Protein backbone atom coordinates (compact mmCIF):
# COMPACT_ATOMS: atom_id res chain seq x y z
CA MET A 1 -45.59 -28.03 51.36
CA SER A 2 -47.41 -25.73 53.69
CA ASN A 3 -51.00 -25.24 53.50
CA SER A 4 -50.24 -21.48 52.86
CA ASN A 5 -49.16 -22.21 49.64
CA LEU A 6 -51.31 -24.58 48.22
CA SER A 7 -53.54 -21.25 47.31
CA LYS A 8 -51.11 -20.30 44.77
CA LEU A 9 -51.73 -23.57 42.62
CA LEU A 10 -55.72 -22.72 42.40
CA ALA A 11 -56.97 -21.82 39.31
CA ARG A 12 -57.87 -18.08 39.23
CA ARG A 13 -61.44 -18.68 38.47
CA ILE A 14 -62.08 -20.45 41.98
CA GLN A 15 -60.04 -18.15 44.15
CA GLY A 16 -62.28 -15.42 43.69
CA THR A 17 -65.40 -17.40 44.17
CA GLN A 18 -67.28 -17.24 47.37
CA SER A 19 -69.29 -20.03 49.22
CA SER A 20 -73.06 -19.81 48.98
CA VAL A 21 -74.32 -17.82 51.78
CA VAL A 22 -77.31 -19.92 51.36
CA ARG A 23 -75.40 -23.34 51.63
CA GLU A 24 -73.83 -21.81 54.72
CA LEU A 25 -77.04 -20.76 56.00
CA LEU A 26 -78.44 -24.41 55.40
CA LYS A 27 -76.52 -25.88 58.23
CA TYR A 28 -79.10 -23.79 61.03
CA SER A 29 -82.16 -26.12 59.31
CA LYS A 30 -80.55 -28.89 61.08
CA ASP A 31 -80.85 -27.41 64.52
CA PRO A 32 -84.05 -28.25 65.96
CA GLN A 33 -83.79 -24.95 68.42
CA ILE A 34 -83.51 -22.39 65.03
CA ILE A 35 -86.34 -21.69 63.08
CA SER A 36 -84.87 -21.34 59.56
CA LEU A 37 -86.49 -18.80 56.89
CA ALA A 38 -83.29 -19.17 55.00
CA GLY A 39 -83.17 -22.38 52.88
CA GLY A 40 -84.51 -22.52 49.54
CA ILE A 41 -85.65 -26.17 50.25
CA PRO A 42 -88.76 -27.58 49.63
CA ALA A 43 -90.97 -29.11 52.79
CA ALA A 44 -90.00 -32.27 53.28
CA ASP A 45 -93.52 -33.17 55.50
CA MET A 46 -94.97 -32.46 52.00
CA PHE A 47 -92.70 -35.12 50.25
CA ASP A 48 -95.17 -38.01 48.83
CA LEU A 49 -93.25 -40.68 50.38
CA GLU A 50 -95.89 -43.45 49.65
CA GLY A 51 -95.59 -42.78 45.90
CA ILE A 52 -91.81 -42.26 46.15
CA ASN A 53 -91.17 -45.53 47.57
CA GLU A 54 -93.57 -47.20 45.16
CA ALA A 55 -91.71 -45.95 42.18
CA LEU A 56 -88.33 -46.67 44.04
CA ALA A 57 -89.66 -50.56 44.28
CA ILE A 58 -90.47 -50.19 40.25
CA ALA A 59 -87.19 -48.64 39.59
CA ALA A 60 -85.37 -51.21 41.84
CA ASN A 61 -87.02 -54.33 40.01
CA SER A 62 -86.38 -52.99 36.39
CA GLY A 63 -83.58 -55.19 35.70
CA VAL A 64 -79.70 -55.06 35.97
CA ASP A 65 -79.61 -52.15 33.73
CA ALA A 66 -80.68 -49.89 36.47
CA TYR A 67 -77.08 -50.20 38.24
CA GLN A 68 -75.33 -50.11 34.98
CA TYR A 69 -73.65 -47.10 32.88
CA SER A 70 -76.01 -45.24 30.43
CA MET A 71 -76.57 -42.72 27.75
CA THR A 72 -75.56 -39.36 28.28
CA ASP A 73 -78.63 -37.70 27.49
CA GLY A 74 -80.85 -39.83 29.98
CA GLU A 75 -83.20 -42.45 29.72
CA LEU A 76 -85.62 -42.64 26.91
CA ASP A 77 -88.50 -43.54 29.55
CA LEU A 78 -87.59 -40.46 31.48
CA ARG A 79 -87.40 -38.06 28.10
CA GLU A 80 -90.61 -39.26 27.06
CA GLN A 81 -92.41 -38.24 30.44
CA SER A 82 -90.67 -35.10 30.88
CA CYS A 83 -92.04 -34.18 27.37
CA ASN A 84 -95.39 -34.94 28.66
CA LEU A 85 -94.88 -32.97 32.08
CA LEU A 86 -93.54 -29.97 29.59
CA GLU A 87 -96.77 -30.27 27.48
CA LYS A 88 -98.92 -29.77 30.70
CA ARG A 89 -96.78 -26.60 30.91
CA GLY A 90 -97.40 -25.57 27.66
CA ILE A 91 -94.15 -26.85 25.83
CA LYS A 92 -94.12 -28.88 22.94
CA SER A 93 -91.04 -31.07 22.69
CA ASN A 94 -89.81 -34.42 21.70
CA PRO A 95 -87.51 -36.53 23.34
CA ASP A 96 -84.35 -35.68 21.38
CA GLU A 97 -84.79 -32.10 22.63
CA ILE A 98 -84.58 -33.25 26.17
CA LEU A 99 -81.33 -33.85 28.30
CA ILE A 100 -81.56 -35.09 31.66
CA THR A 101 -79.37 -33.72 34.26
CA SER A 102 -78.13 -34.34 37.80
CA GLY A 103 -80.43 -31.30 39.22
CA SER A 104 -81.26 -28.11 37.19
CA GLN A 105 -78.31 -26.90 38.86
CA GLN A 106 -75.95 -28.97 36.77
CA GLY A 107 -78.05 -27.83 34.04
CA LEU A 108 -77.30 -24.28 34.61
CA ASP A 109 -73.41 -25.13 34.65
CA LEU A 110 -73.67 -27.10 31.57
CA VAL A 111 -75.20 -24.06 29.46
CA ALA A 112 -72.55 -21.74 30.95
CA ARG A 113 -69.60 -24.20 29.98
CA VAL A 114 -71.04 -24.43 26.13
CA LEU A 115 -72.05 -20.78 25.64
CA LEU A 116 -69.56 -18.75 27.83
CA ASP A 117 -65.94 -17.79 27.30
CA LYS A 118 -63.88 -15.97 29.68
CA ASP A 119 -65.05 -12.13 29.31
CA ASP A 120 -68.16 -12.93 27.53
CA ILE A 121 -70.94 -10.84 28.75
CA ILE A 122 -74.24 -12.36 30.26
CA LEU A 123 -77.13 -10.32 31.38
CA VAL A 124 -78.83 -11.13 34.66
CA GLU A 125 -81.91 -9.64 36.32
CA ARG A 126 -81.09 -7.62 39.63
CA PRO A 127 -81.12 -9.23 42.18
CA THR A 128 -81.11 -12.70 40.93
CA TYR A 129 -80.37 -16.44 41.97
CA LEU A 130 -77.04 -16.58 43.91
CA ALA A 131 -75.92 -19.92 42.46
CA ALA A 132 -76.21 -18.69 39.29
CA LEU A 133 -73.84 -16.06 39.93
CA GLN A 134 -71.22 -18.70 41.12
CA VAL A 135 -71.93 -20.51 37.88
CA PHE A 136 -71.17 -17.44 35.79
CA SER A 137 -68.21 -16.57 37.54
CA LEU A 138 -66.51 -19.56 37.58
CA SER A 139 -67.10 -19.25 33.60
CA GLU A 140 -65.14 -15.89 34.04
CA ALA A 141 -67.81 -14.18 32.13
CA HIS A 142 -68.71 -10.69 32.56
CA ILE A 143 -71.76 -10.46 34.46
CA ILE A 144 -74.13 -7.18 34.04
CA ASP A 145 -77.29 -7.16 35.99
CA ILE A 146 -80.21 -5.45 34.93
CA GLU A 147 -83.11 -3.56 37.00
CA GLY A 148 -86.48 -5.38 37.09
CA ASP A 149 -89.84 -4.64 39.09
CA GLU A 150 -92.62 -6.82 40.34
CA ASN A 151 -93.25 -7.57 36.62
CA GLY A 152 -89.77 -8.76 36.08
CA ILE A 153 -86.71 -7.90 34.09
CA ASN A 154 -87.29 -4.26 32.16
CA PRO A 155 -86.92 -5.09 28.63
CA ASP A 156 -86.26 -1.72 27.88
CA ALA A 157 -83.14 -1.63 30.12
CA VAL A 158 -81.95 -4.98 28.59
CA GLU A 159 -82.25 -3.07 25.07
CA GLU A 160 -79.79 -0.17 26.39
CA SER A 161 -77.47 -2.80 27.56
CA LEU A 162 -77.67 -4.63 24.11
CA LYS A 163 -76.69 -1.07 22.69
CA LYS A 164 -73.67 -0.81 24.55
CA HIS A 165 -72.49 -4.33 24.73
CA LYS A 166 -71.90 -7.44 22.72
CA ILE A 167 -74.38 -10.06 24.91
CA LYS A 168 -73.80 -13.72 24.78
CA ALA A 169 -76.83 -14.50 27.11
CA LEU A 170 -79.72 -13.32 29.23
CA TYR A 171 -80.32 -15.48 32.23
CA ILE A 172 -83.70 -15.21 34.16
CA VAL A 173 -86.03 -16.83 36.56
CA ALA A 174 -89.42 -15.94 34.80
CA ASN A 175 -91.75 -17.38 37.20
CA PHE A 176 -91.37 -16.77 40.91
CA ALA A 177 -87.85 -15.52 40.51
CA ASN A 178 -85.43 -16.23 43.20
CA PRO A 179 -85.02 -14.03 45.49
CA THR A 180 -87.91 -11.49 44.32
CA GLY A 181 -90.89 -14.01 43.65
CA SER A 182 -91.79 -11.72 40.56
CA THR A 183 -93.11 -13.16 37.67
CA LEU A 184 -92.44 -11.95 33.83
CA THR A 185 -95.52 -10.62 31.98
CA LEU A 186 -96.02 -12.06 28.68
CA ALA A 187 -95.49 -8.66 26.94
CA ARG A 188 -92.31 -8.59 28.38
CA ARG A 189 -91.53 -12.38 27.20
CA LYS A 190 -92.25 -11.65 23.77
CA ARG A 191 -90.27 -8.64 23.82
CA LEU A 192 -87.07 -10.51 25.27
CA VAL A 193 -87.47 -13.32 22.36
CA GLU A 194 -87.62 -10.66 19.69
CA LEU A 195 -84.50 -8.72 21.25
CA ALA A 196 -82.44 -11.97 21.10
CA ILE A 197 -83.36 -12.14 17.46
CA LEU A 198 -82.36 -9.05 16.76
CA TYR A 199 -79.27 -8.65 19.07
CA ASP A 200 -78.40 -12.21 18.63
CA PHE A 201 -77.87 -13.56 21.99
CA ILE A 202 -79.29 -16.62 23.65
CA ILE A 203 -81.99 -16.81 26.38
CA ILE A 204 -81.60 -19.07 29.56
CA GLU A 205 -84.86 -19.82 31.07
CA ASP A 206 -84.60 -21.45 34.22
CA ASP A 207 -88.18 -22.63 35.77
CA PRO A 208 -87.73 -24.51 39.10
CA TYR A 209 -90.78 -22.75 40.47
CA GLY A 210 -93.37 -22.42 37.67
CA GLU A 211 -95.64 -25.42 39.28
CA ILE A 212 -96.07 -23.65 42.45
CA ARG A 213 -98.52 -21.03 41.49
CA PHE A 214 -101.16 -19.69 43.92
CA ASP A 215 -103.36 -18.61 41.10
CA ASN A 216 -104.64 -19.73 37.58
CA ASN A 217 -102.74 -16.84 35.88
CA GLU A 218 -100.32 -19.05 34.01
CA VAL A 219 -97.87 -17.25 31.50
CA PRO A 220 -96.58 -19.07 28.20
CA SER A 221 -92.85 -19.73 29.01
CA LEU A 222 -90.28 -17.96 27.08
CA TYR A 223 -89.29 -21.21 25.14
CA GLU A 224 -92.88 -21.49 23.93
CA CYS A 225 -92.92 -17.68 23.03
CA SER A 226 -89.80 -18.65 21.07
CA LYS A 227 -91.76 -21.64 19.27
CA THR A 228 -94.15 -19.21 18.00
CA THR A 229 -91.86 -16.47 16.98
CA ALA A 230 -90.46 -16.24 13.38
CA ASP A 231 -86.69 -16.60 13.35
CA ALA A 232 -86.47 -17.51 17.01
CA CYS A 233 -86.08 -21.29 16.93
CA GLY A 234 -83.09 -22.29 19.39
CA ARG A 235 -83.01 -18.68 21.00
CA VAL A 236 -83.96 -20.02 24.22
CA ILE A 237 -82.64 -22.88 26.61
CA TYR A 238 -85.28 -24.24 28.93
CA LEU A 239 -84.01 -25.65 32.39
CA SER A 240 -85.92 -27.20 35.19
CA SER A 241 -85.99 -29.57 38.08
CA PHE A 242 -88.13 -32.34 39.77
CA SER A 243 -86.33 -31.17 43.12
CA LYS A 244 -89.15 -28.44 44.42
CA ILE A 245 -92.27 -30.82 42.67
CA LEU A 246 -91.03 -34.24 44.11
CA VAL A 247 -87.80 -34.47 45.93
CA PRO A 248 -84.27 -32.79 45.59
CA GLY A 249 -82.51 -35.85 46.86
CA LEU A 250 -82.64 -37.90 43.89
CA ARG A 251 -80.97 -34.62 42.09
CA VAL A 252 -82.56 -35.16 38.73
CA GLY A 253 -83.49 -31.90 36.15
CA LEU A 254 -83.69 -31.43 32.62
CA ILE A 255 -82.71 -29.19 29.84
CA CYS A 256 -84.78 -28.58 26.94
CA ALA A 257 -83.22 -27.10 23.54
CA CYS A 258 -82.93 -27.37 19.91
CA ASN A 259 -81.07 -30.24 18.81
CA GLU A 260 -77.62 -28.28 17.84
CA LEU A 261 -77.51 -26.91 21.14
CA ARG A 262 -78.70 -30.03 22.92
CA GLU A 263 -75.76 -32.14 21.14
CA ARG A 264 -73.20 -29.68 22.27
CA LEU A 265 -74.79 -29.77 25.86
CA VAL A 266 -74.80 -33.38 25.71
CA ILE A 267 -70.98 -33.62 24.78
CA ALA A 268 -70.32 -31.08 27.79
CA LYS A 269 -72.03 -33.69 30.23
CA GLN A 270 -70.25 -36.55 29.01
CA ALA A 271 -66.97 -35.00 30.17
CA PHE A 272 -68.80 -33.98 33.49
CA ASP A 273 -70.09 -37.03 34.73
CA LEU A 274 -71.11 -39.52 31.93
CA HIS A 275 -74.69 -39.57 32.78
CA THR A 276 -77.47 -38.99 35.55
CA PRO A 277 -77.63 -42.31 37.96
CA VAL A 278 -80.06 -44.35 36.12
CA LEU A 279 -81.86 -45.66 39.29
CA CYS A 280 -82.82 -41.88 39.99
CA GLN A 281 -83.95 -41.38 36.69
CA ARG A 282 -86.33 -44.44 36.62
CA ILE A 283 -87.43 -43.51 40.10
CA VAL A 284 -88.64 -40.26 38.68
CA ALA A 285 -89.88 -41.87 35.47
CA ALA A 286 -92.12 -44.25 37.47
CA TYR A 287 -93.44 -41.85 39.52
CA LEU A 288 -94.45 -39.60 36.71
CA LYS A 289 -96.24 -42.63 34.95
CA SER A 290 -98.26 -43.19 38.11
CA GLY A 291 -100.00 -40.08 37.86
CA ARG A 292 -99.59 -39.03 41.68
CA LEU A 293 -97.93 -35.82 40.62
CA GLU A 294 -100.57 -34.30 38.59
CA LYS A 295 -102.73 -34.71 41.75
CA ARG A 296 -100.16 -33.64 44.32
CA ILE A 297 -99.23 -30.10 42.67
CA PRO A 298 -102.73 -28.61 43.77
CA LEU A 299 -102.17 -29.87 47.22
CA LEU A 300 -98.48 -28.60 47.34
CA CYS A 301 -99.56 -25.14 46.04
CA MET A 302 -102.67 -24.84 48.40
CA GLU A 303 -100.36 -25.85 51.62
CA TYR A 304 -97.68 -23.40 50.51
CA GLU A 305 -99.65 -20.31 50.02
CA LYS A 306 -101.19 -21.22 53.47
CA ARG A 307 -97.73 -21.03 54.79
CA CYS A 308 -97.00 -18.05 52.89
CA ASP A 309 -100.20 -16.32 54.16
CA SER A 310 -99.21 -17.24 57.88
CA LEU A 311 -95.66 -15.78 57.18
CA ILE A 312 -97.05 -12.59 56.08
CA ASN A 313 -99.62 -12.27 58.89
CA ALA A 314 -96.91 -12.94 61.56
CA LEU A 315 -94.43 -10.14 59.94
CA ASN A 316 -97.34 -7.67 59.55
CA LYS A 317 -98.39 -8.43 63.03
CA HIS A 318 -94.48 -8.06 64.48
CA VAL A 319 -92.46 -6.31 62.61
CA GLY A 320 -94.69 -4.51 60.06
CA ASP A 321 -93.26 -1.12 60.93
CA VAL A 322 -89.65 -2.08 59.55
CA LEU A 323 -90.33 -4.56 56.88
CA SER A 324 -91.91 -3.96 53.62
CA PHE A 325 -92.66 -6.64 51.33
CA LYS A 326 -95.51 -8.01 48.48
CA LYS A 327 -97.03 -11.17 48.51
CA PRO A 328 -96.07 -13.55 45.48
CA ALA A 329 -98.03 -15.02 43.17
CA GLY A 330 -96.30 -18.27 43.70
CA GLY A 331 -92.85 -19.67 44.26
CA MET A 332 -90.84 -20.22 47.86
CA PHE A 333 -89.89 -16.57 48.84
CA LEU A 334 -90.81 -13.34 50.19
CA TRP A 335 -88.44 -10.71 49.43
CA GLY A 336 -88.53 -7.55 51.67
CA SER A 337 -86.70 -4.68 52.46
CA LEU A 338 -86.00 -3.31 55.96
CA ASN A 339 -86.15 0.23 56.94
CA ASN A 340 -82.82 1.75 57.47
CA ILE A 341 -81.46 -1.74 58.51
CA ASP A 342 -78.39 -3.43 56.91
CA ALA A 343 -79.69 -7.08 56.71
CA GLN A 344 -76.06 -8.48 56.97
CA LYS A 345 -75.34 -6.86 60.18
CA LEU A 346 -78.84 -7.83 61.40
CA LEU A 347 -78.10 -11.47 60.77
CA PRO A 348 -75.86 -12.40 64.16
CA PHE A 349 -78.76 -10.77 65.93
CA ALA A 350 -81.49 -12.89 64.56
CA VAL A 351 -78.79 -16.13 64.98
CA ALA A 352 -78.81 -15.22 68.51
CA GLN A 353 -82.63 -15.35 68.59
CA LYS A 354 -82.64 -18.60 67.06
CA MET A 355 -83.67 -17.70 63.63
CA VAL A 356 -82.17 -17.04 60.42
CA PHE A 357 -82.99 -15.48 57.11
CA VAL A 358 -80.77 -14.55 53.88
CA PRO A 359 -79.47 -11.28 53.76
CA GLY A 360 -80.48 -9.79 50.11
CA ALA A 361 -76.99 -8.51 49.33
CA ALA A 362 -75.93 -12.10 48.46
CA PHE A 363 -78.06 -11.97 45.33
CA TYR A 364 -76.43 -8.89 43.69
CA VAL A 365 -73.67 -8.91 41.24
CA ALA A 366 -72.18 -5.43 42.93
CA ASN A 367 -73.71 -2.27 44.86
CA PRO A 368 -76.35 -4.47 46.74
CA ASN A 369 -79.44 -3.50 48.32
CA ILE A 370 -78.32 -3.78 51.88
CA ASN A 371 -81.58 -3.37 53.13
CA SER A 372 -83.24 -6.57 51.59
CA ILE A 373 -83.63 -9.82 52.79
CA ARG A 374 -85.02 -13.01 51.65
CA LEU A 375 -87.50 -14.86 53.86
CA SER A 376 -88.46 -18.56 52.75
CA TYR A 377 -91.97 -19.69 54.06
CA VAL A 378 -92.57 -23.33 52.64
CA THR A 379 -90.75 -25.35 55.34
CA ILE A 380 -92.65 -23.65 58.56
CA THR A 381 -95.81 -24.13 60.06
CA SER A 382 -98.24 -21.19 61.10
CA SER A 383 -97.04 -21.73 64.77
CA GLN A 384 -93.62 -21.53 63.73
CA ALA A 385 -94.10 -18.38 61.46
CA GLU A 386 -95.43 -16.80 64.42
CA GLU A 387 -92.46 -17.58 66.61
CA ALA A 388 -90.05 -16.75 63.68
CA ALA A 389 -91.70 -13.38 63.70
CA LYS A 390 -91.42 -12.33 67.26
CA ARG A 391 -87.76 -13.69 67.16
CA LEU A 392 -86.87 -11.35 64.14
CA LYS A 393 -88.77 -8.38 66.19
CA ALA A 394 -86.41 -9.03 69.17
CA ALA A 395 -83.33 -9.50 66.84
CA ILE A 396 -84.68 -5.81 65.52
CA THR A 397 -84.74 -4.32 68.86
CA ASN A 398 -81.52 -5.58 69.89
CA TYR A 399 -79.86 -4.76 66.71
CA LEU A 400 -81.25 -0.80 67.25
CA ALA A 401 -80.19 -0.77 70.92
């Protein structure tokens, strides 16, 4: 059989799914000559290798069970430590509400498998996390995007859509959204929970960046809001990750959900990968027990804000006349708009200048803002930020020539 015939054997759901632009651009982060503002990856120079290696030693010497099959819902020790971590975020939970996942991306996939049938409607913010769009597309759901602003998704626009369509779920990154960096206000969070009750749908709250905060204006999670709202129990599924605050290579995340939904999610994970690797779970549990994370988070936030400011200053200096943006209150990204410049068409000129970014069009369901651009600041030094801005200026000059 020739390769040309193989596509006929592929499932319909994969035939129309495109590779992630961000993952394709990740290869440039391995080239030392290229300054990458594209990847949504944490800064390797901020990894607490001493603490992680200590946790690894503890995990490796914790007994033969560290290398054996285990329970699908996750090691009890890590689920207990996860509850302690969530309590610091204002979320009261118990281990029976926690499911340990192989990264929060798997958590998102499991939620989609459990909630979404073909042609079910799911709402997302416009623009939104690219990999979430991939997951929902593979579920063959119908995705509708809702406009937002610097305060997050607009609940009035959400309700207008709810009046027109029967919605199964709403997906949202409420804290320092990817790609926009916006944070949903408390009033909007409460309103969305009320809408979930009134119109009978589930909110999928994705929170990978919530700890990376540049100010003290912490807002209660949607999950927490649901627990303090009458008749809202079970309306919010909370996802989070250890990738951005610890290390991504361990691939450990979590889901917090009511018992009824969690049981279904466990069944889905059984069919997916049986369980998250035990050794990785025990490394994370040992690290959380050490107390080092609580001390590391402020250092991480301080350094990431410093890098954010360096990039902002460099961009204002070199391309401020053609690129507008607003400083986020946390997270990992700057979301900008180029003046009458198609970011996708600009990208090859940037690559030629040895720098890369993510064209914003990748984060839209349809009808993208072609002038939008996402820039990650966490992996670059202040000198690299200056050079990246210079290279972006050269790319724009050549593009416009």
